C-alpha atoms as a PDB file:
ATOM      1  CA  UNK A   1     -26.332  -2.495  11.233  1.00  0.00           C
ATOM      2  CA  UNK A   2     -29.170  -0.323  12.338  1.00  0.00           C
ATOM      3  CA  UNK A   3     -31.256   1.234   9.536  1.00  0.00           C
ATOM      4  CA  UNK A   4     -29.548  -0.845   6.860  1.00  0.00           C
ATOM      5  CA  UNK A   5     -31.010  -3.751   4.944  1.00  0.00           C
ATOM      6  CA  UNK A   6     -28.569  -6.575   4.065  1.00  0.00           C
ATOM      7  CA  UNK A   7     -29.074  -8.483   0.800  1.00  0.00           C
ATOM      8  CA  UNK A   8     -26.256 -11.043   0.453  1.00  0.00           C
ATOM      9  CA  UNK A   9     -23.009  -9.085   0.296  1.00  0.00           C
ATOM     10  CA  UNK A  10     -24.972  -5.897  -0.405  1.00  0.00           C
ATOM     11  CA  UNK A  11     -26.233  -3.617   2.361  1.00  0.00           C
ATOM     12  CA  UNK A  12     -28.710  -0.860   1.527  1.00  0.00           C
ATOM     13  CA  UNK A  13     -29.379   2.194   3.658  1.00  0.00           C
ATOM     14  CA  UNK A  14     -32.671   4.052   3.792  1.00  0.00           C
ATOM     15  CA  UNK A  15     -34.009   5.864   0.727  1.00  0.00           C
ATOM     16  CA  UNK A  16     -31.561   4.210  -1.688  1.00  0.00           C
ATOM     17  CA  UNK A  17     -32.708   4.412  -5.319  1.00  0.00           C
ATOM     18  CA  UNK A  18     -31.641   1.833  -7.892  1.00  0.00           C
ATOM     19  CA  UNK A  19     -32.749   2.686 -11.429  1.00  0.00           C
ATOM     20  CA  UNK A  20     -33.221   0.251 -14.321  1.00  0.00           C
ATOM     21  CA  UNK A  21     -30.416  -2.146 -15.233  1.00  0.00           C
ATOM     22  CA  UNK A  22     -28.284  -1.432 -12.143  1.00  0.00           C
ATOM     23  CA  UNK A  23     -25.989  -4.410 -11.520  1.00  0.00           C
ATOM     24  CA  UNK A  24     -24.113  -5.176  -8.306  1.00  0.00           C
ATOM     25  CA  UNK A  25     -21.731  -8.166  -8.274  1.00  0.00           C
ATOM     26  CA  UNK A  26     -20.055  -9.399  -5.088  1.00  0.00           C
ATOM     27  CA  UNK A  27     -17.451 -12.121  -4.967  1.00  0.00           C
ATOM     28  CA  UNK A  28     -17.716 -14.578  -2.078  1.00  0.00           C
ATOM     29  CA  UNK A  29     -16.092 -12.161   0.394  1.00  0.00           C
ATOM     30  CA  UNK A  30     -17.080  -8.955  -1.393  1.00  0.00           C
ATOM     31  CA  UNK A  31     -19.182  -6.302   0.323  1.00  0.00           C
ATOM     32  CA  UNK A  32     -21.086  -3.343  -1.070  1.00  0.00           C
ATOM     33  CA  UNK A  33     -22.565  -0.727   1.260  1.00  0.00           C
ATOM     34  CA  UNK A  34     -24.861   1.956  -0.129  1.00  0.00           C
ATOM     35  CA  UNK A  35     -25.582   4.373   2.699  1.00  0.00           C
ATOM     36  CA  UNK A  36     -28.708   6.458   3.163  1.00  0.00           C
ATOM     37  CA  UNK A  37     -29.927   8.474   0.197  1.00  0.00           C
ATOM     38  CA  UNK A  38     -27.682   7.021  -2.513  1.00  0.00           C
ATOM     39  CA  UNK A  39     -28.975   6.972  -6.088  1.00  0.00           C
ATOM     40  CA  UNK A  40     -27.574   4.674  -8.770  1.00  0.00           C
ATOM     41  CA  UNK A  41     -28.794   5.739 -12.188  1.00  0.00           C
ATOM     42  CA  UNK A  42     -29.568   3.568 -15.220  1.00  0.00           C
ATOM     43  CA  UNK A  43     -26.929   0.965 -16.054  1.00  0.00           C
ATOM     44  CA  UNK A  44     -24.607   1.674 -13.122  1.00  0.00           C
ATOM     45  CA  UNK A  45     -22.469  -1.357 -12.300  1.00  0.00           C
ATOM     46  CA  UNK A  46     -20.588  -2.097  -9.076  1.00  0.00           C
ATOM     47  CA  UNK A  47     -18.227  -5.053  -8.633  1.00  0.00           C
ATOM     48  CA  UNK A  48     -16.689  -5.996  -5.301  1.00  0.00           C
ATOM     49  CA  UNK A  49     -14.117  -8.571  -4.310  1.00  0.00           C
ATOM     50  CA  UNK A  50     -13.146  -6.621  -1.201  1.00  0.00           C
ATOM     51  CA  UNK A  51     -15.288  -3.610  -0.242  1.00  0.00           C
ATOM     52  CA  UNK A  52     -17.132  -0.832  -2.070  1.00  0.00           C
ATOM     53  CA  UNK A  53     -18.736   1.851   0.116  1.00  0.00           C
ATOM     54  CA  UNK A  54     -20.840   4.733  -1.122  1.00  0.00           C
ATOM     55  CA  UNK A  55     -21.326   7.167   1.745  1.00  0.00           C
ATOM     56  CA  UNK A  56     -24.549   9.157   2.232  1.00  0.00           C
ATOM     57  CA  UNK A  57     -26.286  10.781  -0.758  1.00  0.00           C
ATOM     58  CA  UNK A  58     -23.840   9.655  -3.451  1.00  0.00           C
ATOM     59  CA  UNK A  59     -25.319  10.068  -6.940  1.00  0.00           C
ATOM     60  CA  UNK A  60     -24.196   8.305 -10.102  1.00  0.00           C
ATOM     61  CA  UNK A  61     -25.015   9.306 -13.633  1.00  0.00           C
ATOM     62  CA  UNK A  62     -25.997   6.618 -16.103  1.00  0.00           C
ATOM     63  CA  UNK A  63     -23.600   3.776 -16.929  1.00  0.00           C
ATOM     64  CA  UNK A  64     -21.066   4.468 -14.176  1.00  0.00           C
ATOM     65  CA  UNK A  65     -18.660   1.595 -13.400  1.00  0.00           C
ATOM     66  CA  UNK A  66     -17.156   1.132  -9.911  1.00  0.00           C
ATOM     67  CA  UNK A  67     -14.890  -1.814  -9.079  1.00  0.00           C
ATOM     68  CA  UNK A  68     -12.317  -2.885  -6.514  1.00  0.00           C
ATOM     69  CA  UNK A  69     -11.212  -5.877  -8.567  1.00  0.00           C
ATOM     70  CA  UNK A  70      -9.355  -6.527 -11.793  1.00  0.00           C
ATOM     71  CA  UNK A  71      -8.637  -9.494 -14.031  1.00  0.00           C
ATOM     72  CA  UNK A  72      -5.602 -11.575 -13.162  1.00  0.00           C
ATOM     73  CA  UNK A  73      -3.115 -11.992 -16.010  1.00  0.00           C
ATOM     74  CA  UNK A  74      -0.095 -14.090 -15.140  1.00  0.00           C
ATOM     75  CA  UNK A  75      -0.120 -17.055 -17.541  1.00  0.00           C
ATOM     76  CA  UNK A  76       0.223 -16.037 -21.192  1.00  0.00           C
ATOM     77  CA  UNK A  77      -0.838 -19.539 -22.277  1.00  0.00           C
ATOM     78  CA  UNK A  78      -4.295 -19.284 -20.696  1.00  0.00           C
ATOM     79  CA  UNK A  79      -7.173 -16.960 -21.614  1.00  0.00           C
ATOM     80  CA  UNK A  80      -7.533 -14.024 -19.237  1.00  0.00           C
ATOM     81  CA  UNK A  81     -11.108 -15.063 -18.409  1.00  0.00           C
ATOM     82  CA  UNK A  82      -9.790 -18.309 -16.878  1.00  0.00           C
ATOM     83  CA  UNK A  83      -7.276 -16.615 -14.571  1.00  0.00           C
ATOM     84  CA  UNK A  84      -9.625 -15.098 -12.013  1.00  0.00           C
ATOM     85  CA  UNK A  85      -9.539 -11.729 -10.290  1.00  0.00           C
ATOM     86  CA  UNK A  86      -7.440  -9.871  -7.746  1.00  0.00           C
ATOM     87  CA  UNK A  87      -8.048  -6.866  -5.495  1.00  0.00           C
ATOM     88  CA  UNK A  88      -5.540  -4.487  -3.932  1.00  0.00           C
ATOM     89  CA  UNK A  89      -8.125  -2.886  -1.646  1.00  0.00           C
ATOM     90  CA  UNK A  90     -11.528  -1.277  -1.600  1.00  0.00           C
ATOM     91  CA  UNK A  91     -13.328   1.786  -2.889  1.00  0.00           C
ATOM     92  CA  UNK A  92     -14.863   4.537  -0.755  1.00  0.00           C
ATOM     93  CA  UNK A  93     -16.869   7.382  -2.270  1.00  0.00           C
ATOM     94  CA  UNK A  94     -17.548  10.226   0.161  1.00  0.00           C
ATOM     95  CA  UNK A  95     -20.817  11.855   1.219  1.00  0.00           C
ATOM     96  CA  UNK A  96     -22.630  13.882  -1.404  1.00  0.00           C
ATOM     97  CA  UNK A  97     -20.322  13.092  -4.311  1.00  0.00           C
ATOM     98  CA  UNK A  98     -21.583  12.866  -7.882  1.00  0.00           C
ATOM     99  CA  UNK A  99     -20.156  10.659 -10.618  1.00  0.00           C
ATOM    100  CA  UNK A 100     -21.049  11.816 -14.128  1.00  0.00           C
ATOM    101  CA  UNK A 101     -22.257   9.619 -16.990  1.00  0.00           C
ATOM    102  CA  UNK A 102     -19.834   6.833 -17.978  1.00  0.00           C
ATOM    103  CA  UNK A 103     -17.368   7.626 -15.166  1.00  0.00           C
ATOM    104  CA  UNK A 104     -15.116   4.737 -14.090  1.00  0.00           C
ATOM    105  CA  UNK A 105     -13.683   4.220 -10.582  1.00  0.00           C
ATOM    106  CA  UNK A 106     -11.041   1.503 -10.189  1.00  0.00           C
ATOM    107  CA  UNK A 107      -9.832   0.637  -6.683  1.00  0.00           C
ATOM    108  CA  UNK A 108      -8.139   0.825  -4.420  1.00  0.00           C
ATOM    109  CA  UNK A 109      -9.256   4.437  -4.216  1.00  0.00           C
ATOM    110  CA  UNK A 110     -10.953   6.942  -1.927  1.00  0.00           C
ATOM    111  CA  UNK A 111     -12.971   9.786  -3.393  1.00  0.00           C
ATOM    112  CA  UNK A 112     -13.578  12.507  -0.810  1.00  0.00           C
ATOM    113  CA  UNK A 113     -16.855  14.075   0.182  1.00  0.00           C
ATOM    114  CA  UNK A 114     -18.756  16.443  -2.101  1.00  0.00           C
ATOM    115  CA  UNK A 115     -16.647  15.688  -5.174  1.00  0.00           C
ATOM    116  CA  UNK A 116     -17.731  15.878  -8.798  1.00  0.00           C
ATOM    117  CA  UNK A 117     -16.330  13.241 -11.129  1.00  0.00           C
ATOM    118  CA  UNK A 118     -16.835  14.446 -14.695  1.00  0.00           C
ATOM    119  CA  UNK A 119     -18.414  12.465 -17.508  1.00  0.00           C
ATOM    120  CA  UNK A 120     -16.129   9.714 -18.850  1.00  0.00           C
ATOM    121  CA  UNK A 121     -13.467  10.356 -16.178  1.00  0.00           C
ATOM    122  CA  UNK A 122     -11.360   7.366 -15.075  1.00  0.00           C
ATOM    123  CA  UNK A 123     -10.407   7.558 -11.382  1.00  0.00           C
ATOM    124  CA  UNK A 124      -7.461   5.372 -10.329  1.00  0.00           C
ATOM    125  CA  UNK A 125      -6.079   7.431  -7.417  1.00  0.00           C
ATOM    126  CA  UNK A 126      -7.421   9.138  -4.299  1.00  0.00           C
ATOM    127  CA  UNK A 127      -9.324  12.398  -4.744  1.00  0.00           C
ATOM    128  CA  UNK A 128      -9.472  14.907  -1.852  1.00  0.00           C
ATOM    129  CA  UNK A 129     -12.725  16.382  -0.483  1.00  0.00           C
ATOM    130  CA  UNK A 130     -14.448  19.148  -2.469  1.00  0.00           C
ATOM    131  CA  UNK A 131     -12.694  18.424  -5.778  1.00  0.00           C
ATOM    132  CA  UNK A 132     -13.835  18.469  -9.389  1.00  0.00           C
ATOM    133  CA  UNK A 133     -12.023  15.987 -11.634  1.00  0.00           C
ATOM    134  CA  UNK A 134     -12.145  15.258 -15.356  1.00  0.00           C
ATOM    135  CA  UNK A 135     -10.299  13.149 -17.885  1.00  0.00           C
ATOM    136  CA  UNK A 136      -8.544   9.830 -18.343  1.00  0.00           C
ATOM    137  CA  UNK A 137      -6.681   9.514 -16.108  1.00  0.00           C
ATOM    138  CA  UNK A 138      -8.768  11.755 -13.873  1.00  0.00           C
ATOM    139  CA  UNK A 139      -7.103  15.016 -12.842  1.00  0.00           C
ATOM    140  CA  UNK A 140      -8.258  17.686 -10.435  1.00  0.00           C
ATOM    141  CA  UNK A 141      -9.300  20.911 -12.192  1.00  0.00           C
ATOM    142  CA  UNK A 142     -10.975  22.723  -9.302  1.00  0.00           C
ATOM    143  CA  UNK A 143     -11.020  22.495  -5.494  1.00  0.00           C
ATOM    144  CA  UNK A 144     -12.943  24.317  -2.824  1.00  0.00           C
ATOM    145  CA  UNK A 145     -10.704  26.129  -0.347  1.00  0.00           C
ATOM    146  CA  UNK A 146     -12.501  25.963   3.014  1.00  0.00           C
ATOM    147  CA  UNK A 147     -10.280  28.654   4.572  1.00  0.00           C
ATOM    148  CA  UNK A 148     -10.813  31.157   1.742  1.00  0.00           C
ATOM    149  CA  UNK A 149     -14.437  30.122   1.228  1.00  0.00           C
ATOM    150  CA  UNK A 150     -14.083  29.888  -2.542  1.00  0.00           C
ATOM    151  CA  UNK A 151     -13.295  27.609  -5.455  1.00  0.00           C
ATOM    152  CA  UNK A 152      -9.782  27.634  -6.852  1.00  0.00           C
ATOM    153  CA  UNK A 153      -8.685  26.388 -10.245  1.00  0.00           C
ATOM    154  CA  UNK A 154      -5.919  23.797 -10.309  1.00  0.00           C
ATOM    155  CA  UNK A 155      -3.240  24.270 -12.975  1.00  0.00           C
ATOM    156  CA  UNK A 156      -3.211  21.602 -15.651  1.00  0.00           C
ATOM    157  CA  UNK A 157      -0.053  19.553 -15.648  1.00  0.00           C
END
């Protein structure tokens, strides 16, 4: 890939910033792509068994967790840590999105471009472009309406 620097299963674009204690784990076939201008703040952790892609200029707050894998739990007679992992698909986080401190993203999921994921939010489903989400599980509280040219509040369910 032109303008990207591969490091094992991790590929870094230009001007990527990795702050202290960032951890990126890739399983044998896992891939992580951090496109141009991404910033991972202190303590951010990414785990990939399949694929995790952060599009251009994605910013994480401190201690964000992003993963496309989960612990297998099939045999009740064996410790979970001995049962391995599984993945149902990857994670994509769109251009210019920001994930607040302690946010969690669990794949398979696609977060659209220019989204804000609030502090401590847990994202387990797709989020459309230009959305603000909060909570556990994450819910959309505001979206930008391109046709009207303004933000609209989303009713709480």
